[in-house]
Amino acid sequence: MLKEKLFLKQLTSSEQGVFALALDGYSITEMQDVLFKEENAIKTQRRSILQKINVSSMKEAIDFYKKTIQTSSQNFTNYHQEIFQKLVKTS
């Protein structure tokens, strides 16, 4: 969860909105309808997102985000299991 917040914190609120819709598979045209923004504004925000996370496509950005979240969740799960095992051994 912390990595997710850190990832999103580097984006402006407008960029977060565009990125959230991209995660859900929205096209630029669909984003226009939802966000009431011009195509160029959405494209500019998408380019800014790509620059900030140093990737070349929105697909890469989404994959990077999902990997970040998955790694974060997996680390928590591993930590939780490790603590649980210690508790079981001492009981």
PDB file of N, CA and C in Angstrom:
ATOM      1  N   MET A   1       0.826  -1.187   0.000  1.00  0.00           N
ATOM      2  CA  MET A   1       0.000   0.000   0.000  1.00  0.00           C
ATOM      3  C   MET A   1       0.871   1.253   0.000  1.00  0.00           C
ATOM      4  N   LEU A   2       1.981   1.213   0.731  1.00  0.00           N
ATOM      5  CA  LEU A   2       2.872   2.364   0.785  1.00  0.00           C
ATOM      6  C   LEU A   2       3.483   2.643  -0.582  1.00  0.00           C
ATOM      7  N   LYS A   3       3.922   1.579  -1.277  1.00  0.00           N
ATOM      8  CA  LYS A   3       4.500   1.770  -2.611  1.00  0.00           C
ATOM      9  C   LYS A   3       3.471   2.350  -3.569  1.00  0.00           C
ATOM     10  N   GLU A   4       2.227   1.910  -3.431  1.00  0.00           N
ATOM     11  CA  GLU A   4       1.154   2.433  -4.278  1.00  0.00           C
ATOM     12  C   GLU A   4       0.983   3.931  -4.033  1.00  0.00           C
ATOM     13  N   LYS A   5       0.975   4.328  -2.777  1.00  0.00           N
ATOM     14  CA  LYS A   5       0.820   5.750  -2.447  1.00  0.00           C
ATOM     15  C   LYS A   5       2.002   6.560  -2.958  1.00  0.00           C
ATOM     16  N   LEU A   6       3.216   6.028  -2.787  1.00  0.00           N
ATOM     17  CA  LEU A   6       4.400   6.725  -3.276  1.00  0.00           C
ATOM     18  C   LEU A   6       4.381   6.843  -4.794  1.00  0.00           C
ATOM     19  N   PHE A   7       3.937   5.794  -5.452  1.00  0.00           N
ATOM     20  CA  PHE A   7       3.842   5.797  -6.911  1.00  0.00           C
ATOM     21  C   PHE A   7       2.884   6.896  -7.354  1.00  0.00           C
ATOM     22  N   LEU A   8       1.706   6.930  -6.762  1.00  0.00           N
ATOM     23  CA  LEU A   8       0.683   7.888  -7.174  1.00  0.00           C
ATOM     24  C   LEU A   8       1.002   9.307  -6.714  1.00  0.00           C
ATOM     25  N   LYS A   9       1.751   9.441  -5.631  1.00  0.00           N
ATOM     26  CA  LYS A   9       2.060  10.766  -5.098  1.00  0.00           C
ATOM     27  C   LYS A   9       2.897  11.594  -6.080  1.00  0.00           C
ATOM     28  N   GLN A  10       3.662  10.948  -6.916  1.00  0.00           N
ATOM     29  CA  GLN A  10       4.488  11.675  -7.878  1.00  0.00           C
ATOM     30  C   GLN A  10       3.663  12.233  -9.036  1.00  0.00           C
ATOM     31  N   LEU A  11       2.388  11.840  -9.126  1.00  0.00           N
ATOM     32  CA  LEU A  11       1.503  12.326 -10.180  1.00  0.00           C
ATOM     33  C   LEU A  11       0.578  13.412  -9.629  1.00  0.00           C
ATOM     34  N   THR A  12       0.247  14.381 -10.481  1.00  0.00           N
ATOM     35  CA  THR A  12      -0.738  15.394 -10.081  1.00  0.00           C
ATOM     36  C   THR A  12      -2.105  14.723  -9.994  1.00  0.00           C
ATOM     37  N   SER A  13      -3.067  15.404  -9.409  1.00  0.00           N
ATOM     38  CA  SER A  13      -4.402  14.804  -9.295  1.00  0.00           C
ATOM     39  C   SER A  13      -5.010  14.569 -10.681  1.00  0.00           C
ATOM     40  N   SER A  14      -4.761  15.461 -11.625  1.00  0.00           N
ATOM     41  CA  SER A  14      -5.257  15.262 -12.992  1.00  0.00           C
ATOM     42  C   SER A  14      -4.610  14.043 -13.630  1.00  0.00           C
ATOM     43  N   GLU A  15      -3.301  13.887 -13.429  1.00  0.00           N
ATOM     44  CA  GLU A  15      -2.588  12.728 -13.968  1.00  0.00           C
ATOM     45  C   GLU A  15      -3.084  11.446 -13.311  1.00  0.00           C
ATOM     46  N   GLN A  16      -3.378  11.499 -12.027  1.00  0.00           N
ATOM     47  CA  GLN A  16      -3.904  10.329 -11.332  1.00  0.00           C
ATOM     48  C   GLN A  16      -5.239   9.901 -11.923  1.00  0.00           C
ATOM     49  N   GLY A  17      -6.079  10.881 -12.264  1.00  0.00           N
ATOM     50  CA  GLY A  17      -7.362  10.572 -12.888  1.00  0.00           C
ATOM     51  C   GLY A  17      -7.184   9.896 -14.232  1.00  0.00           C
ATOM     52  N   VAL A  18      -6.280  10.443 -15.049  1.00  0.00           N
ATOM     53  CA  VAL A  18      -5.997   9.855 -16.362  1.00  0.00           C
ATOM     54  C   VAL A  18      -5.418   8.453 -16.188  1.00  0.00           C
ATOM     55  N   PHE A  19      -4.497   8.297 -15.245  1.00  0.00           N
ATOM     56  CA  PHE A  19      -3.865   6.997 -15.034  1.00  0.00           C
ATOM     57  C   PHE A  19      -4.881   5.971 -14.531  1.00  0.00           C
ATOM     58  N   ALA A  20      -5.761   6.388 -13.636  1.00  0.00           N
ATOM     59  CA  ALA A  20      -6.788   5.468 -13.119  1.00  0.00           C
ATOM     60  C   ALA A  20      -7.676   4.968 -14.251  1.00  0.00           C
ATOM     61  N   LEU A  21      -8.044   5.858 -15.146  1.00  0.00           N
ATOM     62  CA  LEU A  21      -8.867   5.437 -16.284  1.00  0.00           C
ATOM     63  C   LEU A  21      -8.082   4.534 -17.229  1.00  0.00           C
ATOM     64  N   ALA A  22      -6.801   4.834 -17.412  1.00  0.00           N
ATOM     65  CA  ALA A  22      -5.953   3.985 -18.256  1.00  0.00           C
ATOM     66  C   ALA A  22      -5.862   2.577 -17.647  1.00  0.00           C
ATOM     67  N   LEU A  23      -5.750   2.505 -16.330  1.00  0.00           N
ATOM     68  CA  LEU A  23      -5.722   1.200 -15.652  1.00  0.00           C
ATOM     69  C   LEU A  23      -6.990   0.406 -15.940  1.00  0.00           C
ATOM     70  N   ASP A  24      -8.097   1.124 -16.052  1.00  0.00           N
ATOM     71  CA  ASP A  24      -9.378   0.469 -16.328  1.00  0.00           C
ATOM     72  C   ASP A  24      -9.607   0.227 -17.815  1.00  0.00           C
ATOM     73  N   GLY A  25      -8.615   0.576 -18.642  1.00  0.00           N
ATOM     74  CA  GLY A  25      -8.700   0.285 -20.065  1.00  0.00           C
ATOM     75  C   GLY A  25      -9.394   1.335 -20.912  1.00  0.00           C
ATOM     76  N   TYR A  26      -9.603   2.537 -20.368  1.00  0.00           N
ATOM     77  CA  TYR A  26     -10.263   3.593 -21.130  1.00  0.00           C
ATOM     78  C   TYR A  26      -9.360   4.122 -22.241  1.00  0.00           C
ATOM     79  N   SER A  27      -9.955   4.404 -23.384  1.00  0.00           N
ATOM     80  CA  SER A  27      -9.227   5.041 -24.482  1.00  0.00           C
ATOM     81  C   SER A  27      -9.190   6.551 -24.230  1.00  0.00           C
ATOM     82  N   ILE A  28      -8.401   7.255 -25.000  1.00  0.00           N
ATOM     83  CA  ILE A  28      -8.333   8.707 -24.860  1.00  0.00           C
ATOM     84  C   ILE A  28      -9.710   9.327 -25.101  1.00  0.00           C
ATOM     85  N   THR A  29     -10.417   8.845 -26.111  1.00  0.00           N
ATOM     86  CA  THR A  29     -11.758   9.362 -26.413  1.00  0.00           C
ATOM     87  C   THR A  29     -12.709   9.139 -25.241  1.00  0.00           C
ATOM     88  N   GLU A  30     -12.640   7.956 -24.637  1.00  0.00           N
ATOM     89  CA  GLU A  30     -13.494   7.665 -23.475  1.00  0.00           C
ATOM     90  C   GLU A  30     -13.111   8.541 -22.286  1.00  0.00           C
ATOM     91  N   MET A  31     -11.816   8.786 -22.129  1.00  0.00           N
ATOM     92  CA  MET A  31     -11.355   9.662 -21.048  1.00  0.00           C
ATOM     93  C   MET A  31     -11.909  11.071 -21.220  1.00  0.00           C
ATOM     94  N   GLN A  32     -11.958  11.527 -22.457  1.00  0.00           N
ATOM     95  CA  GLN A  32     -12.512  12.848 -22.742  1.00  0.00           C
ATOM     96  C   GLN A  32     -13.938  12.949 -22.221  1.00  0.00           C
ATOM     97  N   ASP A  33     -14.720  11.928 -22.458  1.00  0.00           N
ATOM     98  CA  ASP A  33     -16.120  11.928 -22.031  1.00  0.00           C
ATOM     99  C   ASP A  33     -16.254  11.916 -20.514  1.00  0.00           C
ATOM    100  N   VAL A  34     -15.386  11.188 -19.854  1.00  0.00           N
ATOM    101  CA  VAL A  34     -15.459  11.065 -18.394  1.00  0.00           C
ATOM    102  C   VAL A  34     -14.897  12.306 -17.705  1.00  0.00           C
ATOM    103  N   LEU A  35     -13.758  12.792 -18.202  1.00  0.00           N
ATOM    104  CA  LEU A  35     -13.050  13.890 -17.533  1.00  0.00           C
ATOM    105  C   LEU A  35     -13.430  15.278 -18.056  1.00  0.00           C
ATOM    106  N   PHE A  36     -14.183  15.326 -19.144  1.00  0.00           N
ATOM    107  CA  PHE A  36     -14.562  16.598 -19.766  1.00  0.00           C
ATOM    108  C   PHE A  36     -13.333  17.431 -20.100  1.00  0.00           C
ATOM    109  N   LYS A  37     -12.356  16.783 -20.725  1.00  0.00           N
ATOM    110  CA  LYS A  37     -11.103  17.442 -21.110  1.00  0.00           C
ATOM    111  C   LYS A  37     -10.872  17.261 -22.597  1.00  0.00           C
ATOM    112  N   GLU A  38     -10.095  18.175 -23.151  1.00  0.00           N
ATOM    113  CA  GLU A  38      -9.713  18.091 -24.555  1.00  0.00           C
ATOM    114  C   GLU A  38      -8.715  16.947 -24.760  1.00  0.00           C
ATOM    115  N   GLU A  39      -8.702  16.419 -25.959  1.00  0.00           N
ATOM    116  CA  GLU A  39      -7.786  15.330 -26.303  1.00  0.00           C
ATOM    117  C   GLU A  39      -6.331  15.716 -26.027  1.00  0.00           C
ATOM    118  N   ASN A  40      -5.947  16.923 -26.408  1.00  0.00           N
ATOM    119  CA  ASN A  40      -4.558  17.351 -26.200  1.00  0.00           C
ATOM    120  C   ASN A  40      -4.188  17.416 -24.721  1.00  0.00           C
ATOM    121  N   ALA A  41      -5.119  17.821 -23.869  1.00  0.00           N
ATOM    122  CA  ALA A  41      -4.852  17.871 -22.427  1.00  0.00           C
ATOM    123  C   ALA A  41      -4.588  16.461 -21.890  1.00  0.00           C
ATOM    124  N   ILE A  42      -5.379  15.510 -22.319  1.00  0.00           N
ATOM    125  CA  ILE A  42      -5.204  14.122 -21.870  1.00  0.00           C
ATOM    126  C   ILE A  42      -3.881  13.557 -22.397  1.00  0.00           C
ATOM    127  N   LYS A  43      -3.579  13.836 -23.653  1.00  0.00           N
ATOM    128  CA  LYS A  43      -2.308  13.358 -24.213  1.00  0.00           C
ATOM    129  C   LYS A  43      -1.124  13.969 -23.483  1.00  0.00           C
ATOM    130  N   THR A  44      -1.216  15.239 -23.135  1.00  0.00           N
ATOM    131  CA  THR A  44      -0.146  15.906 -22.387  1.00  0.00           C
ATOM    132  C   THR A  44       0.035  15.260 -21.018  1.00  0.00           C
ATOM    133  N   GLN A  45      -1.071  14.958 -20.351  1.00  0.00           N
ATOM    134  CA  GLN A  45      -0.991  14.321 -19.036  1.00  0.00           C
ATOM    135  C   GLN A  45      -0.432  12.908 -19.149  1.00  0.00           C
ATOM    136  N   ARG A  46      -0.795  12.202 -20.182  1.00  0.00           N
ATOM    137  CA  ARG A  46      -0.241  10.858 -20.390  1.00  0.00           C
ATOM    138  C   ARG A  46       1.272  10.924 -20.615  1.00  0.00           C
ATOM    139  N   ARG A  47       1.718  11.874 -21.435  1.00  0.00           N
ATOM    140  CA  ARG A  47       3.167  12.033 -21.673  1.00  0.00           C
ATOM    141  C   ARG A  47       3.893  12.364 -20.371  1.00  0.00           C
ATOM    142  N   SER A  48       3.281  13.215 -19.575  1.00  0.00           N
ATOM    143  CA  SER A  48       3.884  13.587 -18.297  1.00  0.00           C
ATOM    144  C   SER A  48       4.016  12.375 -17.367  1.00  0.00           C
ATOM    145  N   ILE A  49       2.999  11.539 -17.343  1.00  0.00           N
ATOM    146  CA  ILE A  49       3.037  10.308 -16.536  1.00  0.00           C
ATOM    147  C   ILE A  49       4.200   9.428 -16.988  1.00  0.00           C
ATOM    148  N   LEU A  50       4.324   9.254 -18.305  1.00  0.00           N
ATOM    149  CA  LEU A  50       5.384   8.401 -18.847  1.00  0.00           C
ATOM    150  C   LEU A  50       6.762   8.940 -18.492  1.00  0.00           C
ATOM    151  N   GLN A  51       6.924  10.254 -18.576  1.00  0.00           N
ATOM    152  CA  GLN A  51       8.215  10.870 -18.237  1.00  0.00           C
ATOM    153  C   GLN A  51       8.534  10.689 -16.761  1.00  0.00           C
ATOM    154  N   LYS A  52       7.537  10.884 -15.907  1.00  0.00           N
ATOM    155  CA  LYS A  52       7.763  10.808 -14.460  1.00  0.00           C
ATOM    156  C   LYS A  52       8.187   9.423 -14.003  1.00  0.00           C
ATOM    157  N   ILE A  53       7.664   8.394 -14.656  1.00  0.00           N
ATOM    158  CA  ILE A  53       8.038   7.038 -14.228  1.00  0.00           C
ATOM    159  C   ILE A  53       9.009   6.380 -15.200  1.00  0.00           C
ATOM    160  N   ASN A  54       9.468   7.174 -16.165  1.00  0.00           N
ATOM    161  CA  ASN A  54      10.541   6.765 -17.068  1.00  0.00           C
ATOM    162  C   ASN A  54      10.217   5.501 -17.874  1.00  0.00           C
ATOM    163  N   VAL A  55       9.060   5.540 -18.526  1.00  0.00           N
ATOM    164  CA  VAL A  55       8.668   4.464 -19.429  1.00  0.00           C
ATOM    165  C   VAL A  55       8.250   5.083 -20.760  1.00  0.00           C
ATOM    166  N   SER A  56       8.090   4.242 -21.782  1.00  0.00           N
ATOM    167  CA  SER A  56       7.803   4.794 -23.107  1.00  0.00           C
ATOM    168  C   SER A  56       6.369   4.579 -23.580  1.00  0.00           C
ATOM    169  N   SER A  57       5.577   3.814 -22.836  1.00  0.00           N
ATOM    170  CA  SER A  57       4.194   3.608 -23.248  1.00  0.00           C
ATOM    171  C   SER A  57       3.299   3.482 -22.015  1.00  0.00           C
ATOM    172  N   MET A  58       2.013   3.717 -22.222  1.00  0.00           N
ATOM    173  CA  MET A  58       1.069   3.592 -21.116  1.00  0.00           C
ATOM    174  C   MET A  58       0.975   2.137 -20.668  1.00  0.00           C
ATOM    175  N   LYS A  59       1.117   1.197 -21.597  1.00  0.00           N
ATOM    176  CA  LYS A  59       1.112  -0.215 -21.222  1.00  0.00           C
ATOM    177  C   LYS A  59       2.267  -0.514 -20.270  1.00  0.00           C
ATOM    178  N   GLU A  60       3.439   0.037 -20.576  1.00  0.00           N
ATOM    179  CA  GLU A  60       4.593  -0.129 -19.684  1.00  0.00           C
ATOM    180  C   GLU A  60       4.320   0.482 -18.320  1.00  0.00           C
ATOM    181  N   ALA A  61       3.696   1.649 -18.314  1.00  0.00           N
ATOM    182  CA  ALA A  61       3.375   2.326 -17.062  1.00  0.00           C
ATOM    183  C   ALA A  61       2.422   1.481 -16.221  1.00  0.00           C
ATOM    184  N   ILE A  62       1.420   0.922 -16.868  1.00  0.00           N
ATOM    185  CA  ILE A  62       0.446   0.081 -16.162  1.00  0.00           C
ATOM    186  C   ILE A  62       1.114  -1.189 -15.640  1.00  0.00           C
ATOM    187  N   ASP A  63       1.937  -1.817 -16.465  1.00  0.00           N
ATOM    188  CA  ASP A  63       2.663  -3.016 -16.030  1.00  0.00           C
ATOM    189  C   ASP A  63       3.574  -2.704 -14.848  1.00  0.00           C
ATOM    190  N   PHE A  64       4.264  -1.563 -14.913  1.00  0.00           N
ATOM    191  CA  PHE A  64       5.152  -1.149 -13.825  1.00  0.00           C
ATOM    192  C   PHE A  64       4.347  -0.938 -12.546  1.00  0.00           C
ATOM    193  N   TYR A  65       3.218  -0.277 -12.674  1.00  0.00           N
ATOM    194  CA  TYR A  65       2.357  -0.025 -11.516  1.00  0.00           C
ATOM    195  C   TYR A  65       1.884  -1.339 -10.898  1.00  0.00           C
ATOM    196  N   LYS A  66       1.395  -2.240 -11.738  1.00  0.00           N
ATOM    197  CA  LYS A  66       0.903  -3.523 -11.230  1.00  0.00           C
ATOM    198  C   LYS A  66       2.017  -4.330 -10.574  1.00  0.00           C
ATOM    199  N   LYS A  67       3.201  -4.275 -11.158  1.00  0.00           N
ATOM    200  CA  LYS A  67       4.344  -4.982 -10.571  1.00  0.00           C
ATOM    201  C   LYS A  67       4.700  -4.376  -9.216  1.00  0.00           C
ATOM    202  N   THR A  68       4.665  -3.064  -9.123  1.00  0.00           N
ATOM    203  CA  THR A  68       4.951  -2.366  -7.870  1.00  0.00           C
ATOM    204  C   THR A  68       3.957  -2.781  -6.795  1.00  0.00           C
ATOM    205  N   ILE A  69       2.678  -2.801  -7.157  1.00  0.00           N
ATOM    206  CA  ILE A  69       1.639  -3.167  -6.203  1.00  0.00           C
ATOM    207  C   ILE A  69       1.759  -4.633  -5.822  1.00  0.00           C
ATOM    208  N   GLN A  70       2.009  -5.496  -6.798  1.00  0.00           N
ATOM    209  CA  GLN A  70       2.138  -6.928  -6.537  1.00  0.00           C
ATOM    210  C   GLN A  70       3.328  -7.197  -5.621  1.00  0.00           C
ATOM    211  N   THR A  71       4.452  -6.544  -5.891  1.00  0.00           N
ATOM    212  CA  THR A  71       5.648  -6.716  -5.065  1.00  0.00           C
ATOM    213  C   THR A  71       5.371  -6.261  -3.641  1.00  0.00           C
ATOM    214  N   SER A  72       4.694  -5.132  -3.514  1.00  0.00           N
ATOM    215  CA  SER A  72       4.356  -4.608  -2.198  1.00  0.00           C
ATOM    216  C   SER A  72       3.468  -5.591  -1.437  1.00  0.00           C
ATOM    217  N   SER A  73       2.444  -6.108  -2.105  1.00  0.00           N
ATOM    218  CA  SER A  73       1.536  -7.071  -1.475  1.00  0.00           C
ATOM    219  C   SER A  73       2.263  -8.353  -1.124  1.00  0.00           C
ATOM    220  N   GLN A  74       3.132  -8.821  -2.025  1.00  0.00           N
ATOM    221  CA  GLN A  74       3.867 -10.058  -1.782  1.00  0.00           C
ATOM    222  C   GLN A  74       4.821  -9.887  -0.599  1.00  0.00           C
ATOM    223  N   ASN A  75       5.482  -8.722  -0.519  1.00  0.00           N
ATOM    224  CA  ASN A  75       6.381  -8.470   0.609  1.00  0.00           C
ATOM    225  C   ASN A  75       5.613  -8.478   1.922  1.00  0.00           C
ATOM    226  N   PHE A  76       4.420  -7.873   1.923  1.00  0.00           N
ATOM    227  CA  PHE A  76       3.602  -7.871   3.125  1.00  0.00           C
ATOM    228  C   PHE A  76       3.201  -9.290   3.489  1.00  0.00           C
ATOM    229  N   THR A  77       2.776 -10.059   2.492  1.00  0.00           N
ATOM    230  CA  THR A  77       2.367 -11.447   2.737  1.00  0.00           C
ATOM    231  C   THR A  77       3.531 -12.266   3.288  1.00  0.00           C
ATOM    232  N   ASN A  78       4.706 -12.115   2.695  1.00  0.00           N
ATOM    233  CA  ASN A  78       5.884 -12.838   3.175  1.00  0.00           C
ATOM    234  C   ASN A  78       6.211 -12.445   4.608  1.00  0.00           C
ATOM    235  N   TYR A  79       6.156 -11.146   4.896  1.00  0.00           N
ATOM    236  CA  TYR A  79       6.442 -10.653   6.242  1.00  0.00           C
ATOM    237  C   TYR A  79       5.414 -11.218   7.221  1.00  0.00           C
ATOM    238  N   HIS A  80       4.152 -11.177   6.832  1.00  0.00           N
ATOM    239  CA  HIS A  80       3.078 -11.683   7.676  1.00  0.00           C
ATOM    240  C   HIS A  80       3.283 -13.168   7.966  1.00  0.00           C
ATOM    241  N   GLN A  81       3.628 -13.941   6.952  1.00  0.00           N
ATOM    242  CA  GLN A  81       3.853 -15.372   7.135  1.00  0.00           C
ATOM    243  C   GLN A  81       5.056 -15.628   8.038  1.00  0.00           C
ATOM    244  N   GLU A  82       6.090 -14.822   7.880  1.00  0.00           N
ATOM    245  CA  GLU A  82       7.286 -14.967   8.705  1.00  0.00           C
ATOM    246  C   GLU A  82       6.957 -14.724  10.183  1.00  0.00           C
ATOM    247  N   ILE A  83       6.206 -13.679  10.449  1.00  0.00           N
ATOM    248  CA  ILE A  83       5.802 -13.366  11.826  1.00  0.00           C
ATOM    249  C   ILE A  83       4.918 -14.485  12.367  1.00  0.00           C
ATOM    250  N   PHE A  84       3.993 -14.965  11.553  1.00  0.00           N
ATOM    251  CA  PHE A  84       3.088 -16.033  11.968  1.00  0.00           C
ATOM    252  C   PHE A  84       3.887 -17.290  12.339  1.00  0.00           C
ATOM    253  N   GLN A  85       4.876 -17.642  11.518  1.00  0.00           N
ATOM    254  CA  GLN A  85       5.686 -18.832  11.778  1.00  0.00           C
ATOM    255  C   GLN A  85       6.444 -18.690  13.099  1.00  0.00           C
ATOM    256  N   LYS A  86       6.945 -17.499  13.371  1.00  0.00           N
ATOM    257  CA  LYS A  86       7.646 -17.265  14.639  1.00  0.00           C
ATOM    258  C   LYS A  86       6.687 -17.431  15.809  1.00  0.00           C
ATOM    259  N   LEU A  87       5.469 -16.957  15.654  1.00  0.00           N
ATOM    260  CA  LEU A  87       4.487 -17.092  16.726  1.00  0.00           C
ATOM    261  C   LEU A  87       4.127 -18.553  16.956  1.00  0.00           C
ATOM    262  N   VAL A  88       3.996 -19.306  15.886  1.00  0.00           N
ATOM    263  CA  VAL A  88       3.661 -20.730  16.000  1.00  0.00           C
ATOM    264  C   VAL A  88       4.784 -21.488  16.706  1.00  0.00           C
ATOM    265  N   LYS A  89       6.025 -21.167  16.363  1.00  0.00           N
ATOM    266  CA  LYS A  89       7.169 -21.856  16.961  1.00  0.00           C
ATOM    267  C   LYS A  89       7.301 -21.563  18.456  1.00  0.00           C
ATOM    268  N   THR A  90       6.917 -20.362  18.882  1.00  0.00           N
ATOM    269  CA  THR A  90       7.079 -19.998  20.285  1.00  0.00           C
ATOM    270  C   THR A  90       5.870 -20.394  21.116  1.00  0.00           C
ATOM    271  N   SER A  91       4.800 -20.851  20.465  1.00  0.00           N
ATOM    272  CA  SER A  91       3.587 -21.235  21.209  1.00  0.00           C
ATOM    273  C   SER A  91       3.672 -22.637  21.726  1.00  0.00           C
TER     274      SER A  91
END
